[in-house]
Protein backbone atom coordinates (compact mmCIF):
# COMPACT_ATOMS: atom_id res chain seq x y z
CA MET A 1 51.25 101.85 52.93
CA ALA A 2 53.42 104.61 54.06
CA VAL A 3 55.03 107.97 52.04
CA ARG A 4 58.35 107.69 51.75
CA ALA A 5 60.57 110.67 49.88
CA ILE A 6 63.30 109.53 47.89
CA ARG A 7 66.18 111.65 46.77
CA GLY A 8 68.29 111.72 43.67
CA ALA A 9 70.50 114.02 41.31
CA VAL A 10 72.31 113.98 37.83
CA GLN A 11 74.80 116.20 36.28
CA VAL A 12 74.39 116.94 33.09
CA ALA A 13 76.32 118.10 30.50
CA ALA A 14 75.22 121.11 28.97
CA ASN A 15 72.68 123.41 29.14
CA GLU A 16 70.90 122.53 26.27
CA PRO A 17 67.29 120.78 26.11
CA ALA A 18 68.40 117.81 24.90
CA SER A 19 71.29 117.14 27.57
CA ILE A 20 68.84 118.06 30.66
CA LEU A 21 65.91 115.89 29.38
CA GLU A 22 68.06 113.08 28.88
CA GLY A 23 69.63 113.58 32.36
CA THR A 24 66.51 113.73 34.06
CA SER A 25 64.99 110.88 32.61
CA GLU A 26 68.08 108.77 33.08
CA LEU A 27 67.54 109.74 36.99
CA VAL A 28 63.65 109.63 37.25
CA THR A 29 64.15 106.09 35.18
CA GLU A 30 66.84 104.91 37.48
CA VAL A 31 65.23 105.82 41.14
CA LEU A 32 62.14 104.11 39.62
CA ALA A 33 64.09 101.13 39.28
CA ARG A 34 66.44 100.74 41.84
CA ASN A 35 63.15 101.12 44.23
CA GLU A 36 61.09 98.98 42.78
CA ILE A 37 58.44 101.32 41.85
CA SER A 38 55.82 102.66 38.92
CA THR A 39 55.07 106.01 38.37
CA GLU A 40 51.33 104.71 39.72
CA SER A 41 53.46 104.82 43.29
CA VAL A 42 54.24 108.37 42.80
CA ILE A 43 52.58 111.35 44.54
CA SER A 44 54.54 114.18 43.08
CA VAL A 45 57.93 115.00 41.99
CA LEU A 46 60.04 118.33 42.75
CA PHE A 47 62.66 119.14 40.79
CA SER A 48 65.49 121.63 40.93
CA ALA A 49 68.25 123.01 38.94
CA THR A 50 70.96 124.93 39.38
CA PRO A 51 70.97 128.16 38.49
CA ASP A 52 72.84 127.65 35.20
CA LEU A 53 70.27 125.20 33.65
CA THR A 54 67.46 127.10 32.11
CA ALA A 55 67.26 125.52 28.62
CA GLU A 56 64.66 123.07 29.81
CA PHE A 57 62.19 122.20 32.78
CA PRO A 58 63.30 118.92 33.93
CA ALA A 59 59.96 117.88 34.79
CA LEU A 60 59.49 117.46 30.72
CA ALA A 61 61.00 114.35 31.22
CA ALA A 62 58.88 113.00 33.96
CA ARG A 63 56.28 113.95 31.33
CA ALA A 64 57.72 111.54 28.60
CA LEU A 65 57.93 108.83 30.91
CA GLY A 66 54.76 108.96 31.32
CA PHE A 67 53.96 110.80 34.86
CA ALA A 68 50.91 112.39 33.03
CA ASP A 69 48.70 112.93 36.38
CA VAL A 70 51.79 113.14 38.93
CA PRO A 71 51.91 116.38 40.14
CA LEU A 72 55.37 117.95 39.06
CA LEU A 73 57.02 120.98 39.92
CA CYS A 74 60.34 122.31 39.02
CA CYS A 75 62.60 125.35 41.16
CA THR A 76 66.00 126.76 41.01
CA GLU A 77 68.79 125.54 43.32
CA ILE A 78 69.97 128.45 45.17
CA ALA A 79 73.09 129.72 44.26
CA VAL A 80 75.83 128.83 46.30
CA PRO A 81 79.17 129.63 45.69
CA LYS A 82 81.55 127.10 44.30
CA ALA A 83 78.81 124.47 44.05
CA MET A 84 78.49 121.63 41.41
CA PRO A 85 77.45 123.32 38.44
CA ARG A 86 74.59 121.71 36.31
CA VAL A 87 72.94 119.71 38.42
CA VAL A 88 69.47 118.86 38.42
CA ARG A 89 68.12 117.30 41.42
CA LEU A 90 64.80 115.50 42.78
CA MET A 91 62.48 114.34 45.51
CA MET A 92 60.06 112.36 44.70
CA HIS A 93 57.35 111.12 47.10
CA VAL A 94 55.94 107.48 46.65
CA GLU A 95 53.72 105.37 48.18
CA VAL A 96 55.58 102.32 49.18
CA ASP A 97 55.12 99.06 51.85
CA ARG A 98 58.81 99.18 53.25
CA PRO A 99 60.66 100.89 55.66
CA ARG A 100 62.84 104.14 54.93
CA SER A 101 65.97 102.22 55.71
CA GLU A 102 65.19 100.05 52.24
CA ILE A 103 64.79 103.13 50.01
CA ARG A 104 67.43 104.07 48.03
CA HIS A 105 68.37 107.06 46.56
CA VAL A 106 70.03 108.16 43.16
CA TYR A 107 73.04 110.03 42.43
CA LEU A 108 74.96 109.43 38.97
CA ARG A 109 77.27 110.88 37.21
CA GLY A 110 79.55 113.91 38.48
CA ALA A 111 76.72 114.21 40.91
CA ALA A 112 77.57 111.05 43.16
CA ALA A 113 80.53 113.12 44.73
CA LEU A 114 77.82 115.11 46.44
CA ARG A 115 76.48 111.99 48.19
CA LEU A 116 79.49 109.77 48.79
CA ASP A 117 77.75 108.60 52.19
CA ILE A 118 75.28 106.88 49.71
CA ALA A 119 76.09 103.71 48.37
CA GLN A 120 75.88 104.01 44.90
């Protein structure tokens, strides 16, 4: 088994708990689905949020999806001038038996503009 990192991001509608949780849940679910993995394969997840998102911890959405014993960490993205607002990002570390080239990174909603080089 190899350890791989999967990146992803989603732009949420507002700095409100429901918006942050809904967007994060969609992102986590899509990362698992596109990579055909379950929570048992997940080693850890690092979530970051832009400085304008303070209403809720994104990791709470992962806990609700069954990440009960997976280490999760939330942090604030650096405040770069003119950066896209209201973005939750993740880096998920997983154990999989496939090459790095087969890992599918996920960028949803407005965050798709962050990585136009990655086929969605």
